[in-house]
Amino acid sequence: MDSHRDLSVLSPSLFNVYINDLPATQSRKFIYADDICLGTQHQSFDEVENVLNTDMDMMADFLTRWRLQPSATKTVSSVFHLHNAQAKRELNISKISGSDTIQTRRILVSPWTDH
C-alpha cells in the first residue's frame, strides 16, 4: 500500500487539527483551505494598523508554536478606501517571521453617483 496516498487523504483532517485553535483576533478571519485572511474596517488608517499589527503578532505566535511558515509570495495587504488623498499611503503592518515582505495592493472605491 502506498503510504503517501494515505497521507494525502489525511492531510485535510490534519490541517483542521492545526487550525482548530487559531487565536481570537479583533479582525474577522476568512479561511479557505490553507489561506487565512484577516479583515477589519475602521475610520482611520492608524486604527487599522493597530488592530492588524496586534492580530498579526498573535498569528505569528500561533505559527511559531505549530512550526508553520507563511508563504512569502502570498502574504499581502489590500486596502479599500474612498479617500483619494490617502491613495499613496503605505500601511505599517508587522511582517510575520518567514515572510520577507508584505505586498500592498490599493483599490480606490468611488462613491456611487447617479449619471
PDB file of N, CA and C in Angstrom:
ATOM      1  N   MET A   1       0.840  -1.187   0.000  1.00  0.00           N
ATOM      2  CA  MET A   1       0.000   0.000   0.000  1.00  0.00           C
ATOM      3  C   MET A   1       0.883   1.248   0.000  1.00  0.00           C
ATOM      4  N   ASP A   2       0.510   2.241  -0.760  1.00  0.00           N
ATOM      5  CA  ASP A   2       1.283   3.477  -0.874  1.00  0.00           C
ATOM      6  C   ASP A   2       0.981   4.384   0.318  1.00  0.00           C
ATOM      7  N   SER A   3       1.985   4.599   1.176  1.00  0.00           N
ATOM      8  CA  SER A   3       1.764   5.412   2.384  1.00  0.00           C
ATOM      9  C   SER A   3       1.549   6.885   2.053  1.00  0.00           C
ATOM     10  N   HIS A   4       2.104   7.360   0.936  1.00  0.00           N
ATOM     11  CA  HIS A   4       1.898   8.763   0.566  1.00  0.00           C
ATOM     12  C   HIS A   4       0.437   9.043   0.215  1.00  0.00           C
ATOM     13  N   ARG A   5      -0.180   8.080  -0.417  1.00  0.00           N
ATOM     14  CA  ARG A   5      -1.591   8.254  -0.767  1.00  0.00           C
ATOM     15  C   ARG A   5      -2.432   8.334   0.510  1.00  0.00           C
ATOM     16  N   ASP A   6      -2.109   7.526   1.514  1.00  0.00           N
ATOM     17  CA  ASP A   6      -2.840   7.576   2.787  1.00  0.00           C
ATOM     18  C   ASP A   6      -2.675   8.933   3.457  1.00  0.00           C
ATOM     19  N   LEU A   7      -1.462   9.493   3.387  1.00  0.00           N
ATOM     20  CA  LEU A   7      -1.228  10.800   3.998  1.00  0.00           C
ATOM     21  C   LEU A   7      -2.016  11.894   3.291  1.00  0.00           C
ATOM     22  N   SER A   8      -2.130  11.803   1.962  1.00  0.00           N
ATOM     23  CA  SER A   8      -2.865  12.839   1.244  1.00  0.00           C
ATOM     24  C   SER A   8      -4.338  12.835   1.634  1.00  0.00           C
ATOM     25  N   VAL A   9      -4.883  11.680   1.977  1.00  0.00           N
ATOM     26  CA  VAL A   9      -6.271  11.594   2.429  1.00  0.00           C
ATOM     27  C   VAL A   9      -6.407  12.214   3.822  1.00  0.00           C
ATOM     28  N   LEU A  10      -5.390  12.043   4.631  1.00  0.00           N
ATOM     29  CA  LEU A  10      -5.420  12.583   5.993  1.00  0.00           C
ATOM     30  C   LEU A  10      -5.080  14.074   6.062  1.00  0.00           C
ATOM     31  N   SER A  11      -4.439  14.599   5.038  1.00  0.00           N
ATOM     32  CA  SER A  11      -3.953  15.981   5.080  1.00  0.00           C
ATOM     33  C   SER A  11      -5.013  17.006   5.467  1.00  0.00           C
ATOM     34  N   PRO A  12      -6.201  17.006   4.849  1.00  0.00           N
ATOM     35  CA  PRO A  12      -7.201  17.998   5.255  1.00  0.00           C
ATOM     36  C   PRO A  12      -7.580  17.882   6.737  1.00  0.00           C
ATOM     37  N   SER A  13      -7.697  16.672   7.238  1.00  0.00           N
ATOM     38  CA  SER A  13      -8.046  16.483   8.649  1.00  0.00           C
ATOM     39  C   SER A  13      -6.923  16.958   9.562  1.00  0.00           C
ATOM     40  N   LEU A  14      -5.692  16.641   9.189  1.00  0.00           N
ATOM     41  CA  LEU A  14      -4.557  17.090   9.993  1.00  0.00           C
ATOM     42  C   LEU A  14      -4.451  18.606   9.995  1.00  0.00           C
ATOM     43  N   PHE A  15      -4.710  19.239   8.845  1.00  0.00           N
ATOM     44  CA  PHE A  15      -4.679  20.706   8.792  1.00  0.00           C
ATOM     45  C   PHE A  15      -5.763  21.294   9.695  1.00  0.00           C
ATOM     46  N   ASN A  16      -6.946  20.680   9.712  1.00  0.00           N
ATOM     47  CA  ASN A  16      -8.022  21.156  10.596  1.00  0.00           C
ATOM     48  C   ASN A  16      -7.613  21.074  12.064  1.00  0.00           C
ATOM     49  N   VAL A  17      -6.857  20.050  12.422  1.00  0.00           N
ATOM     50  CA  VAL A  17      -6.346  19.946  13.790  1.00  0.00           C
ATOM     51  C   VAL A  17      -5.414  21.117  14.076  1.00  0.00           C
ATOM     52  N   TYR A  18      -4.542  21.446  13.114  1.00  0.00           N
ATOM     53  CA  TYR A  18      -3.622  22.565  13.283  1.00  0.00           C
ATOM     54  C   TYR A  18      -4.362  23.878  13.546  1.00  0.00           C
ATOM     55  N   ILE A  19      -5.372  24.170  12.733  1.00  0.00           N
ATOM     56  CA  ILE A  19      -6.007  25.481  12.836  1.00  0.00           C
ATOM     57  C   ILE A  19      -7.197  25.512  13.792  1.00  0.00           C
ATOM     58  N   ASN A  20      -7.474  24.414  14.447  1.00  0.00           N
ATOM     59  CA  ASN A  20      -8.603  24.365  15.371  1.00  0.00           C
ATOM     60  C   ASN A  20      -8.473  25.363  16.512  1.00  0.00           C
ATOM     61  N   ASP A  21      -7.254  25.712  16.877  1.00  0.00           N
ATOM     62  CA  ASP A  21      -7.056  26.645  17.990  1.00  0.00           C
ATOM     63  C   ASP A  21      -6.456  27.975  17.529  1.00  0.00           C
ATOM     64  N   LEU A  22      -6.898  28.452  16.376  1.00  0.00           N
ATOM     65  CA  LEU A  22      -6.456  29.777  15.931  1.00  0.00           C
ATOM     66  C   LEU A  22      -6.771  30.797  17.016  1.00  0.00           C
ATOM     67  N   PRO A  23      -5.882  31.767  17.229  1.00  0.00           N
ATOM     68  CA  PRO A  23      -6.129  32.742  18.290  1.00  0.00           C
ATOM     69  C   PRO A  23      -7.335  33.637  17.981  1.00  0.00           C
ATOM     70  N   ALA A  24      -7.984  34.078  19.033  1.00  0.00           N
ATOM     71  CA  ALA A  24      -9.078  35.042  18.875  1.00  0.00           C
ATOM     72  C   ALA A  24      -8.457  36.379  18.471  1.00  0.00           C
ATOM     73  N   THR A  25      -8.998  36.991  17.445  1.00  0.00           N
ATOM     74  CA  THR A  25      -8.462  38.255  16.944  1.00  0.00           C
ATOM     75  C   THR A  25      -9.558  39.313  16.926  1.00  0.00           C
ATOM     76  N   GLN A  26      -9.130  40.565  16.898  1.00  0.00           N
ATOM     77  CA  GLN A  26     -10.102  41.651  16.721  1.00  0.00           C
ATOM     78  C   GLN A  26     -10.597  41.661  15.280  1.00  0.00           C
ATOM     79  N   SER A  27      -9.721  41.289  14.365  1.00  0.00           N
ATOM     80  CA  SER A  27     -10.080  41.218  12.948  1.00  0.00           C
ATOM     81  C   SER A  27     -10.961  40.002  12.713  1.00  0.00           C
ATOM     82  N   ARG A  28     -11.735  40.091  11.672  1.00  0.00           N
ATOM     83  CA  ARG A  28     -12.531  38.933  11.269  1.00  0.00           C
ATOM     84  C   ARG A  28     -11.640  38.022  10.438  1.00  0.00           C
ATOM     85  N   LYS A  29     -11.734  36.716  10.666  1.00  0.00           N
ATOM     86  CA  LYS A  29     -10.935  35.757   9.912  1.00  0.00           C
ATOM     87  C   LYS A  29     -11.784  35.137   8.809  1.00  0.00           C
ATOM     88  N   PHE A  30     -11.225  35.109   7.614  1.00  0.00           N
ATOM     89  CA  PHE A  30     -11.833  34.428   6.481  1.00  0.00           C
ATOM     90  C   PHE A  30     -10.866  33.309   6.108  1.00  0.00           C
ATOM     91  N   ILE A  31     -11.340  32.066   6.124  1.00  0.00           N
ATOM     92  CA  ILE A  31     -10.465  30.920   5.898  1.00  0.00           C
ATOM     93  C   ILE A  31     -11.005  30.112   4.721  1.00  0.00           C
ATOM     94  N   TYR A  32     -10.122  29.837   3.788  1.00  0.00           N
ATOM     95  CA  TYR A  32     -10.449  28.960   2.668  1.00  0.00           C
ATOM     96  C   TYR A  32      -9.249  28.043   2.464  1.00  0.00           C
ATOM     97  N   ALA A  33      -9.457  26.753   2.610  1.00  0.00           N
ATOM     98  CA  ALA A  33      -8.375  25.760   2.516  1.00  0.00           C
ATOM     99  C   ALA A  33      -7.264  26.166   3.480  1.00  0.00           C
ATOM    100  N   ASP A  34      -6.056  26.441   2.969  1.00  0.00           N
ATOM    101  CA  ASP A  34      -4.961  26.817   3.859  1.00  0.00           C
ATOM    102  C   ASP A  34      -4.671  28.311   3.816  1.00  0.00           C
ATOM    103  N   ASP A  35      -5.598  29.099   3.284  1.00  0.00           N
ATOM    104  CA  ASP A  35      -5.445  30.553   3.242  1.00  0.00           C
ATOM    105  C   ASP A  35      -6.254  31.185   4.369  1.00  0.00           C
ATOM    106  N   ILE A  36      -5.641  32.139   5.045  1.00  0.00           N
ATOM    107  CA  ILE A  36      -6.315  32.858   6.129  1.00  0.00           C
ATOM    108  C   ILE A  36      -6.211  34.344   5.838  1.00  0.00           C
ATOM    109  N   CYS A  37      -7.340  35.011   5.845  1.00  0.00           N
ATOM    110  CA  CYS A  37      -7.391  36.452   5.635  1.00  0.00           C
ATOM    111  C   CYS A  37      -7.879  37.115   6.913  1.00  0.00           C
ATOM    112  N   LEU A  38      -7.186  38.156   7.344  1.00  0.00           N
ATOM    113  CA  LEU A  38      -7.653  38.974   8.464  1.00  0.00           C
ATOM    114  C   LEU A  38      -8.237  40.244   7.874  1.00  0.00           C
ATOM    115  N   GLY A  39      -9.487  40.517   8.170  1.00  0.00           N
ATOM    116  CA  GLY A  39     -10.145  41.698   7.628  1.00  0.00           C
ATOM    117  C   GLY A  39     -10.687  42.584   8.730  1.00  0.00           C
ATOM    118  N   THR A  40     -10.492  43.878   8.576  1.00  0.00           N
ATOM    119  CA  THR A  40     -11.000  44.824   9.568  1.00  0.00           C
ATOM    120  C   THR A  40     -11.347  46.136   8.885  1.00  0.00           C
ATOM    121  N   GLN A  41     -12.198  46.905   9.515  1.00  0.00           N
ATOM    122  CA  GLN A  41     -12.517  48.231   8.998  1.00  0.00           C
ATOM    123  C   GLN A  41     -12.620  49.205  10.159  1.00  0.00           C
ATOM    124  N   HIS A  42     -12.089  50.397   9.931  1.00  0.00           N
ATOM    125  CA  HIS A  42     -12.113  51.446  10.948  1.00  0.00           C
ATOM    126  C   HIS A  42     -12.143  52.792  10.251  1.00  0.00           C
ATOM    127  N   GLN A  43     -12.330  53.835  11.023  1.00  0.00           N
ATOM    128  CA  GLN A  43     -12.412  55.184  10.479  1.00  0.00           C
ATOM    129  C   GLN A  43     -11.051  55.731  10.061  1.00  0.00           C
ATOM    130  N   SER A  44      -9.969  55.235  10.670  1.00  0.00           N
ATOM    131  CA  SER A  44      -8.651  55.785  10.335  1.00  0.00           C
ATOM    132  C   SER A  44      -7.662  54.667  10.030  1.00  0.00           C
ATOM    133  N   PHE A  45      -6.644  55.011   9.246  1.00  0.00           N
ATOM    134  CA  PHE A  45      -5.593  54.055   8.935  1.00  0.00           C
ATOM    135  C   PHE A  45      -4.835  53.658  10.199  1.00  0.00           C
ATOM    136  N   ASP A  46      -4.678  54.592  11.140  1.00  0.00           N
ATOM    137  CA  ASP A  46      -3.974  54.280  12.382  1.00  0.00           C
ATOM    138  C   ASP A  46      -4.672  53.159  13.145  1.00  0.00           C
ATOM    139  N   GLU A  47      -6.004  53.208  13.214  1.00  0.00           N
ATOM    140  CA  GLU A  47      -6.758  52.151  13.891  1.00  0.00           C
ATOM    141  C   GLU A  47      -6.588  50.814  13.173  1.00  0.00           C
ATOM    142  N   VAL A  48      -6.636  50.838  11.846  1.00  0.00           N
ATOM    143  CA  VAL A  48      -6.463  49.617  11.060  1.00  0.00           C
ATOM    144  C   VAL A  48      -5.082  49.018  11.341  1.00  0.00           C
ATOM    145  N   GLU A  49      -4.047  49.873  11.332  1.00  0.00           N
ATOM    146  CA  GLU A  49      -2.689  49.401  11.591  1.00  0.00           C
ATOM    147  C   GLU A  49      -2.560  48.792  12.983  1.00  0.00           C
ATOM    148  N   ASN A  50      -3.132  49.452  13.989  1.00  0.00           N
ATOM    149  CA  ASN A  50      -3.038  48.941  15.362  1.00  0.00           C
ATOM    150  C   ASN A  50      -3.696  47.568  15.490  1.00  0.00           C
ATOM    151  N   VAL A  51      -4.897  47.439  14.965  1.00  0.00           N
ATOM    152  CA  VAL A  51      -5.620  46.163  15.061  1.00  0.00           C
ATOM    153  C   VAL A  51      -4.879  45.069  14.293  1.00  0.00           C
ATOM    154  N   LEU A  52      -4.486  45.358  13.054  1.00  0.00           N
ATOM    155  CA  LEU A  52      -3.814  44.340  12.248  1.00  0.00           C
ATOM    156  C   LEU A  52      -2.456  43.949  12.827  1.00  0.00           C
ATOM    157  N   ASN A  53      -1.711  44.905  13.366  1.00  0.00           N
ATOM    158  CA  ASN A  53      -0.419  44.568  13.962  1.00  0.00           C
ATOM    159  C   ASN A  53      -0.588  43.678  15.184  1.00  0.00           C
ATOM    160  N   THR A  54      -1.563  43.977  16.025  1.00  0.00           N
ATOM    161  CA  THR A  54      -1.830  43.131  17.186  1.00  0.00           C
ATOM    162  C   THR A  54      -2.219  41.725  16.747  1.00  0.00           C
ATOM    163  N   ASP A  55      -3.110  41.654  15.770  1.00  0.00           N
ATOM    164  CA  ASP A  55      -3.570  40.351  15.277  1.00  0.00           C
ATOM    165  C   ASP A  55      -2.463  39.587  14.556  1.00  0.00           C
ATOM    166  N   MET A  56      -1.635  40.279  13.782  1.00  0.00           N
ATOM    167  CA  MET A  56      -0.527  39.618  13.088  1.00  0.00           C
ATOM    168  C   MET A  56       0.480  39.063  14.091  1.00  0.00           C
ATOM    169  N   ASP A  57       0.712  39.781  15.196  1.00  0.00           N
ATOM    170  CA  ASP A  57       1.609  39.272  16.241  1.00  0.00           C
ATOM    171  C   ASP A  57       1.050  37.984  16.844  1.00  0.00           C
ATOM    172  N   MET A  58      -0.268  37.954  17.089  1.00  0.00           N
ATOM    173  CA  MET A  58      -0.885  36.734  17.629  1.00  0.00           C
ATOM    174  C   MET A  58      -0.785  35.583  16.631  1.00  0.00           C
ATOM    175  N   MET A  59      -0.998  35.882  15.348  1.00  0.00           N
ATOM    176  CA  MET A  59      -0.896  34.840  14.332  1.00  0.00           C
ATOM    177  C   MET A  59       0.549  34.346  14.216  1.00  0.00           C
ATOM    178  N   ALA A  60       1.521  35.253  14.333  1.00  0.00           N
ATOM    179  CA  ALA A  60       2.934  34.858  14.279  1.00  0.00           C
ATOM    180  C   ALA A  60       3.266  33.910  15.433  1.00  0.00           C
ATOM    181  N   ASP A  61       2.769  34.207  16.629  1.00  0.00           N
ATOM    182  CA  ASP A  61       2.983  33.317  17.777  1.00  0.00           C
ATOM    183  C   ASP A  61       2.366  31.947  17.519  1.00  0.00           C
ATOM    184  N   PHE A  62       1.171  31.938  16.946  1.00  0.00           N
ATOM    185  CA  PHE A  62       0.490  30.682  16.618  1.00  0.00           C
ATOM    186  C   PHE A  62       1.316  29.863  15.625  1.00  0.00           C
ATOM    187  N   LEU A  63       1.776  30.527  14.560  1.00  0.00           N
ATOM    188  CA  LEU A  63       2.563  29.833  13.537  1.00  0.00           C
ATOM    189  C   LEU A  63       3.860  29.273  14.113  1.00  0.00           C
ATOM    190  N   THR A  64       4.500  30.052  14.971  1.00  0.00           N
ATOM    191  CA  THR A  64       5.740  29.595  15.593  1.00  0.00           C
ATOM    192  C   THR A  64       5.483  28.379  16.475  1.00  0.00           C
ATOM    193  N   ARG A  65       4.417  28.441  17.273  1.00  0.00           N
ATOM    194  CA  ARG A  65       4.098  27.331  18.169  1.00  0.00           C
ATOM    195  C   ARG A  65       3.881  26.033  17.395  1.00  0.00           C
ATOM    196  N   TRP A  66       3.231  26.104  16.241  1.00  0.00           N
ATOM    197  CA  TRP A  66       2.934  24.909  15.450  1.00  0.00           C
ATOM    198  C   TRP A  66       3.980  24.641  14.372  1.00  0.00           C
ATOM    199  N   ARG A  67       5.056  25.425  14.383  1.00  0.00           N
ATOM    200  CA  ARG A  67       6.150  25.256  13.416  1.00  0.00           C
ATOM    201  C   ARG A  67       5.657  25.365  11.962  1.00  0.00           C
ATOM    202  N   LEU A  68       4.802  26.320  11.739  1.00  0.00           N
ATOM    203  CA  LEU A  68       4.305  26.601  10.396  1.00  0.00           C
ATOM    204  C   LEU A  68       4.958  27.869   9.885  1.00  0.00           C
ATOM    205  N   GLN A  69       5.099  27.990   8.570  1.00  0.00           N
ATOM    206  CA  GLN A  69       5.658  29.199   7.978  1.00  0.00           C
ATOM    207  C   GLN A  69       4.705  29.722   6.922  1.00  0.00           C
ATOM    208  N   PRO A  70       4.506  31.044   6.913  1.00  0.00           N
ATOM    209  CA  PRO A  70       3.638  31.626   5.882  1.00  0.00           C
ATOM    210  C   PRO A  70       4.341  31.630   4.527  1.00  0.00           C
ATOM    211  N   SER A  71       3.564  31.681   3.492  1.00  0.00           N
ATOM    212  CA  SER A  71       4.109  31.805   2.143  1.00  0.00           C
ATOM    213  C   SER A  71       4.397  33.279   1.878  1.00  0.00           C
ATOM    214  N   ALA A  72       5.675  33.598   1.663  1.00  0.00           N
ATOM    215  CA  ALA A  72       6.065  34.995   1.444  1.00  0.00           C
ATOM    216  C   ALA A  72       5.394  35.583   0.205  1.00  0.00           C
ATOM    217  N   THR A  73       5.193  34.757  -0.819  1.00  0.00           N
ATOM    218  CA  THR A  73       4.594  35.272  -2.053  1.00  0.00           C
ATOM    219  C   THR A  73       3.091  35.509  -1.916  1.00  0.00           C
ATOM    220  N   LYS A  74       2.463  34.888  -0.910  1.00  0.00           N
ATOM    221  CA  LYS A  74       1.020  35.043  -0.727  1.00  0.00           C
ATOM    222  C   LYS A  74       0.668  35.986   0.418  1.00  0.00           C
ATOM    223  N   THR A  75       1.677  36.558   1.085  1.00  0.00           N
ATOM    224  CA  THR A  75       1.414  37.450   2.204  1.00  0.00           C
ATOM    225  C   THR A  75       1.252  38.865   1.664  1.00  0.00           C
ATOM    226  N   VAL A  76       0.015  39.328   1.638  1.00  0.00           N
ATOM    227  CA  VAL A  76      -0.278  40.643   1.065  1.00  0.00           C
ATOM    228  C   VAL A  76      -1.242  41.402   1.972  1.00  0.00           C
ATOM    229  N   SER A  77      -1.251  42.709   1.803  1.00  0.00           N
ATOM    230  CA  SER A  77      -2.296  43.509   2.433  1.00  0.00           C
ATOM    231  C   SER A  77      -3.019  44.253   1.325  1.00  0.00           C
ATOM    232  N   SER A  78      -4.311  44.377   1.472  1.00  0.00           N
ATOM    233  CA  SER A  78      -5.123  45.103   0.496  1.00  0.00           C
ATOM    234  C   SER A  78      -5.883  46.196   1.213  1.00  0.00           C
ATOM    235  N   VAL A  79      -5.953  47.355   0.588  1.00  0.00           N
ATOM    236  CA  VAL A  79      -6.633  48.496   1.177  1.00  0.00           C
ATOM    237  C   VAL A  79      -7.750  48.929   0.244  1.00  0.00           C
ATOM    238  N   PHE A  80      -8.952  49.011   0.779  1.00  0.00           N
ATOM    239  CA  PHE A  80     -10.099  49.523   0.036  1.00  0.00           C
ATOM    240  C   PHE A  80     -10.538  50.801   0.748  1.00  0.00           C
ATOM    241  N   HIS A  81     -10.577  51.916   0.048  1.00  0.00           N
ATOM    242  CA  HIS A  81     -10.985  53.157   0.716  1.00  0.00           C
ATOM    243  C   HIS A  81     -11.562  54.163  -0.270  1.00  0.00           C
ATOM    244  N   LEU A  82     -12.194  55.166   0.282  1.00  0.00           N
ATOM    245  CA  LEU A  82     -12.832  56.210  -0.512  1.00  0.00           C
ATOM    246  C   LEU A  82     -12.018  57.501  -0.558  1.00  0.00           C
ATOM    247  N   HIS A  83     -10.954  57.582   0.219  1.00  0.00           N
ATOM    248  CA  HIS A  83     -10.205  58.832   0.361  1.00  0.00           C
ATOM    249  C   HIS A  83      -9.045  58.882  -0.623  1.00  0.00           C
ATOM    250  N   ASN A  84      -9.275  59.524  -1.769  1.00  0.00           N
ATOM    251  CA  ASN A  84      -8.241  59.586  -2.794  1.00  0.00           C
ATOM    252  C   ASN A  84      -6.994  60.322  -2.314  1.00  0.00           C
ATOM    253  N   ALA A  85      -7.142  61.216  -1.345  1.00  0.00           N
ATOM    254  CA  ALA A  85      -5.983  61.926  -0.807  1.00  0.00           C
ATOM    255  C   ALA A  85      -5.037  60.965  -0.091  1.00  0.00           C
ATOM    256  N   GLN A  86      -5.545  59.837   0.359  1.00  0.00           N
ATOM    257  CA  GLN A  86      -4.739  58.832   1.053  1.00  0.00           C
ATOM    258  C   GLN A  86      -4.276  57.703   0.120  1.00  0.00           C
ATOM    259  N   ALA A  87      -4.422  57.885  -1.176  1.00  0.00           N
ATOM    260  CA  ALA A  87      -4.183  56.807  -2.132  1.00  0.00           C
ATOM    261  C   ALA A  87      -2.767  56.239  -2.079  1.00  0.00           C
ATOM    262  N   LYS A  88      -1.783  57.037  -1.732  1.00  0.00           N
ATOM    263  CA  LYS A  88      -0.400  56.555  -1.730  1.00  0.00           C
ATOM    264  C   LYS A  88       0.092  56.175  -0.345  1.00  0.00           C
ATOM    265  N   ARG A  89      -0.767  56.196   0.615  1.00  0.00           N
ATOM    266  CA  ARG A  89      -0.360  55.863   1.982  1.00  0.00           C
ATOM    267  C   ARG A  89       0.027  54.391   2.090  1.00  0.00           C
ATOM    268  N   GLU A  90       1.146  54.127   2.745  1.00  0.00           N
ATOM    269  CA  GLU A  90       1.606  52.763   2.999  1.00  0.00           C
ATOM    270  C   GLU A  90       1.123  52.341   4.381  1.00  0.00           C
ATOM    271  N   LEU A  91       0.548  51.152   4.485  1.00  0.00           N
ATOM    272  CA  LEU A  91       0.191  50.619   5.799  1.00  0.00           C
ATOM    273  C   LEU A  91       1.446  50.085   6.466  1.00  0.00           C
ATOM    274  N   ASN A  92       1.583  50.361   7.739  1.00  0.00           N
ATOM    275  CA  ASN A  92       2.719  49.877   8.508  1.00  0.00           C
ATOM    276  C   ASN A  92       2.264  48.633   9.268  1.00  0.00           C
ATOM    277  N   ILE A  93       2.387  47.467   8.612  1.00  0.00           N
ATOM    278  CA  ILE A  93       1.907  46.216   9.186  1.00  0.00           C
ATOM    279  C   ILE A  93       3.095  45.314   9.483  1.00  0.00           C
ATOM    280  N   SER A  94       3.063  44.669  10.646  1.00  0.00           N
ATOM    281  CA  SER A  94       4.132  43.755  11.055  1.00  0.00           C
ATOM    282  C   SER A  94       4.316  42.651  10.037  1.00  0.00           C
ATOM    283  N   LYS A  95       5.566  42.286   9.831  1.00  0.00           N
ATOM    284  CA  LYS A  95       5.869  41.132   8.984  1.00  0.00           C
ATOM    285  C   LYS A  95       5.884  39.896   9.859  1.00  0.00           C
ATOM    286  N   ILE A  96       5.378  38.807   9.336  1.00  0.00           N
ATOM    287  CA  ILE A  96       5.426  37.537  10.053  1.00  0.00           C
ATOM    288  C   ILE A  96       6.755  36.877   9.739  1.00  0.00           C
ATOM    289  N   SER A  97       7.380  36.304  10.728  1.00  0.00           N
ATOM    290  CA  SER A  97       8.637  35.599  10.547  1.00  0.00           C
ATOM    291  C   SER A  97       8.512  34.583   9.421  1.00  0.00           C
ATOM    292  N   GLY A  98       9.499  34.590   8.526  1.00  0.00           N
ATOM    293  CA  GLY A  98       9.460  33.698   7.374  1.00  0.00           C
ATOM    294  C   GLY A  98       8.933  34.402   6.138  1.00  0.00           C
ATOM    295  N   SER A  99       8.344  35.580   6.328  1.00  0.00           N
ATOM    296  CA  SER A  99       7.834  36.361   5.218  1.00  0.00           C
ATOM    297  C   SER A  99       8.682  37.627   5.111  1.00  0.00           C
ATOM    298  N   ASP A 100       9.427  37.762   4.023  1.00  0.00           N
ATOM    299  CA  ASP A 100      10.334  38.898   3.876  1.00  0.00           C
ATOM    300  C   ASP A 100       9.600  40.211   3.651  1.00  0.00           C
ATOM    301  N   THR A 101       8.508  40.151   2.943  1.00  0.00           N
ATOM    302  CA  THR A 101       7.789  41.374   2.625  1.00  0.00           C
ATOM    303  C   THR A 101       6.291  41.130   2.711  1.00  0.00           C
ATOM    304  N   ILE A 102       5.581  42.225   2.846  1.00  0.00           N
ATOM    305  CA  ILE A 102       4.132  42.180   2.707  1.00  0.00           C
ATOM    306  C   ILE A 102       3.805  43.113   1.553  1.00  0.00           C
ATOM    307  N   GLN A 103       3.310  42.554   0.475  1.00  0.00           N
ATOM    308  CA  GLN A 103       2.933  43.360  -0.671  1.00  0.00           C
ATOM    309  C   GLN A 103       1.652  44.119  -0.339  1.00  0.00           C
ATOM    310  N   THR A 104       1.580  45.361  -0.771  1.00  0.00           N
ATOM    311  CA  THR A 104       0.378  46.150  -0.529  1.00  0.00           C
ATOM    312  C   THR A 104      -0.340  46.387  -1.851  1.00  0.00           C
ATOM    313  N   ARG A 105      -1.628  46.098  -1.851  1.00  0.00           N
ATOM    314  CA  ARG A 105      -2.472  46.377  -3.010  1.00  0.00           C
ATOM    315  C   ARG A 105      -3.468  47.441  -2.596  1.00  0.00           C
ATOM    316  N   ARG A 106      -3.644  48.455  -3.435  1.00  0.00           N
ATOM    317  CA  ARG A 106      -4.593  49.516  -3.130  1.00  0.00           C
ATOM    318  C   ARG A 106      -5.720  49.494  -4.139  1.00  0.00           C
ATOM    319  N   ILE A 107      -6.915  49.627  -3.633  1.00  0.00           N
ATOM    320  CA  ILE A 107      -8.077  49.683  -4.512  1.00  0.00           C
ATOM    321  C   ILE A 107      -8.913  50.880  -4.068  1.00  0.00           C
ATOM    322  N   LEU A 108      -9.034  51.843  -4.944  1.00  0.00           N
ATOM    323  CA  LEU A 108      -9.842  53.028  -4.644  1.00  0.00           C
ATOM    324  C   LEU A 108     -11.285  52.742  -5.028  1.00  0.00           C
ATOM    325  N   VAL A 109     -12.169  53.049  -4.133  1.00  0.00           N
ATOM    326  CA  VAL A 109     -13.593  52.822  -4.370  1.00  0.00           C
ATOM    327  C   VAL A 109     -14.265  54.183  -4.466  1.00  0.00           C
ATOM    328  N   SER A 110     -14.932  54.423  -5.577  1.00  0.00           N
ATOM    329  CA  SER A 110     -15.633  55.687  -5.741  1.00  0.00           C
ATOM    330  C   SER A 110     -17.036  55.578  -5.183  1.00  0.00           C
ATOM    331  N   PRO A 111     -17.504  56.614  -4.499  1.00  0.00           N
ATOM    332  CA  PRO A 111     -18.874  56.567  -4.017  1.00  0.00           C
ATOM    333  C   PRO A 111     -19.849  56.531  -5.202  1.00  0.00           C
ATOM    334  N   TRP A 112     -20.969  55.861  -4.998  1.00  0.00           N
ATOM    335  CA  TRP A 112     -21.965  55.730  -6.055  1.00  0.00           C
ATOM    336  C   TRP A 112     -22.591  57.074  -6.348  1.00  0.00           C
ATOM    337  N   THR A 113     -22.646  57.425  -7.619  1.00  0.00           N
ATOM    338  CA  THR A 113     -23.331  58.652  -8.044  1.00  0.00           C
ATOM    339  C   THR A 113     -24.208  58.306  -9.230  1.00  0.00           C
ATOM    340  N   ASP A 114     -25.363  58.961  -9.307  1.00  0.00           N
ATOM    341  CA  ASP A 114     -26.229  58.762 -10.472  1.00  0.00           C
ATOM    342  C   ASP A 114     -25.662  59.525 -11.648  1.00  0.00           C
ATOM    343  N   HIS A 115     -25.690  58.891 -12.807  1.00  0.00           N
ATOM    344  CA  HIS A 115     -25.183  59.542 -14.014  1.00  0.00           C
ATOM    345  C   HIS A 115     -26.296  59.934 -14.907  1.00  0.00           C
TER     346      HIS A 115
END
